[in-house]
Protein backbone atom coordinates (compact mmCIF):
# COMPACT_ATOMS: atom_id res chain seq x y z
CA UNK A 1 276.26 251.73 283.80
CA UNK A 2 273.73 249.80 281.75
CA UNK A 3 274.32 249.18 278.03
CA UNK A 4 271.51 249.13 275.53
CA UNK A 5 270.90 245.63 274.30
CA UNK A 6 270.32 245.51 270.54
CA UNK A 7 269.42 242.35 268.68
CA UNK A 8 271.45 241.22 265.70
CA UNK A 9 268.36 241.47 263.48
CA UNK A 10 267.99 245.15 264.42
CA UNK A 11 271.58 245.81 263.39
CA UNK A 12 271.03 244.05 260.05
CA UNK A 13 267.94 246.15 259.41
CA UNK A 14 269.73 249.42 260.26
CA UNK A 15 272.64 248.60 257.95
CA UNK A 16 270.26 247.48 255.19
CA UNK A 17 268.54 250.87 255.46
CA UNK A 18 271.95 252.53 254.94
CA UNK A 19 272.67 250.65 251.70
CA UNK A 20 273.90 253.08 249.04
CA UNK A 21 274.39 255.91 251.55
CA UNK A 22 277.60 257.53 252.76
CA UNK A 23 278.58 256.73 256.33
CA UNK A 24 281.34 257.56 258.79
CA UNK A 25 283.03 254.45 260.16
CA UNK A 26 285.17 253.94 263.26
CA UNK A 27 287.03 250.65 263.43
CA UNK A 28 288.58 249.58 266.74
CA UNK A 29 291.79 247.73 265.89
CA UNK A 30 292.78 247.12 269.51
CA UNK A 31 295.42 248.65 271.75
CA UNK A 32 293.87 252.12 271.48
CA UNK A 33 294.12 252.14 267.67
CA UNK A 34 291.01 253.48 265.97
CA UNK A 35 290.73 253.86 262.20
CA UNK A 36 288.21 256.47 261.02
CA UNK A 37 287.08 256.91 257.42
CA UNK A 38 284.12 257.64 255.16
CA UNK A 39 282.56 254.89 253.08
CA UNK A 40 279.49 253.86 251.11
CA UNK A 41 277.55 250.72 252.11
CA UNK A 42 277.56 248.63 248.94
CA UNK A 43 276.38 245.04 249.45
CA UNK A 44 274.32 243.30 252.11
CA UNK A 45 274.77 239.56 252.71
CA UNK A 46 273.29 237.26 255.39
CA UNK A 47 276.38 237.32 257.63
CA UNK A 48 278.44 240.27 256.40
CA UNK A 49 278.20 243.63 254.63
CA UNK A 50 280.67 245.41 252.38
CA UNK A 51 281.62 249.07 252.22
CA UNK A 52 283.60 250.92 249.57
CA UNK A 53 286.11 253.53 250.69
CA UNK A 54 287.69 256.27 248.65
CA UNK A 55 291.11 257.07 250.04
CA UNK A 56 293.64 259.03 247.96
CA UNK A 57 291.72 258.47 244.68
CA UNK A 58 291.64 254.70 245.19
CA UNK A 59 288.46 252.80 245.87
CA UNK A 60 288.73 249.82 248.15
CA UNK A 61 286.17 247.31 249.31
CA UNK A 62 286.13 246.16 252.94
CA UNK A 63 283.96 243.51 254.58
CA UNK A 64 282.62 243.54 258.13
CA UNK A 65 280.29 241.25 260.03
CA UNK A 66 277.16 242.32 261.87
CA UNK A 67 278.64 240.80 265.01
CA UNK A 68 281.52 243.34 264.82
CA UNK A 69 278.90 246.10 265.03
CA UNK A 70 277.11 244.32 267.88
CA UNK A 71 280.34 244.04 269.90
CA UNK A 72 281.25 247.69 269.30
CA UNK A 73 284.38 247.01 267.25
CA UNK A 74 282.74 248.75 264.26
CA UNK A 75 280.70 251.93 264.66
CA UNK A 76 278.65 253.28 261.76
CA UNK A 77 277.07 256.72 261.71
CA UNK A 78 275.14 258.07 258.72
CA UNK A 79 276.34 261.29 257.14
């Protein structure tokens, strides 16, 4: 099976386009543990991006790298 090869610049552009929008996120934590939640893409930086989650009336900021998305550890789908 052949995987689609996506450049890191394409991933940055796609995430930049999602800034301010709500997204569904799936985080692979290893050993068949996947964390799923809804978030809003807040800030875009050269190497990382931040999302803000709202879980149980608490907002929390989390940071992920573009390389995590490239490797498939982080999956982002727009709502």
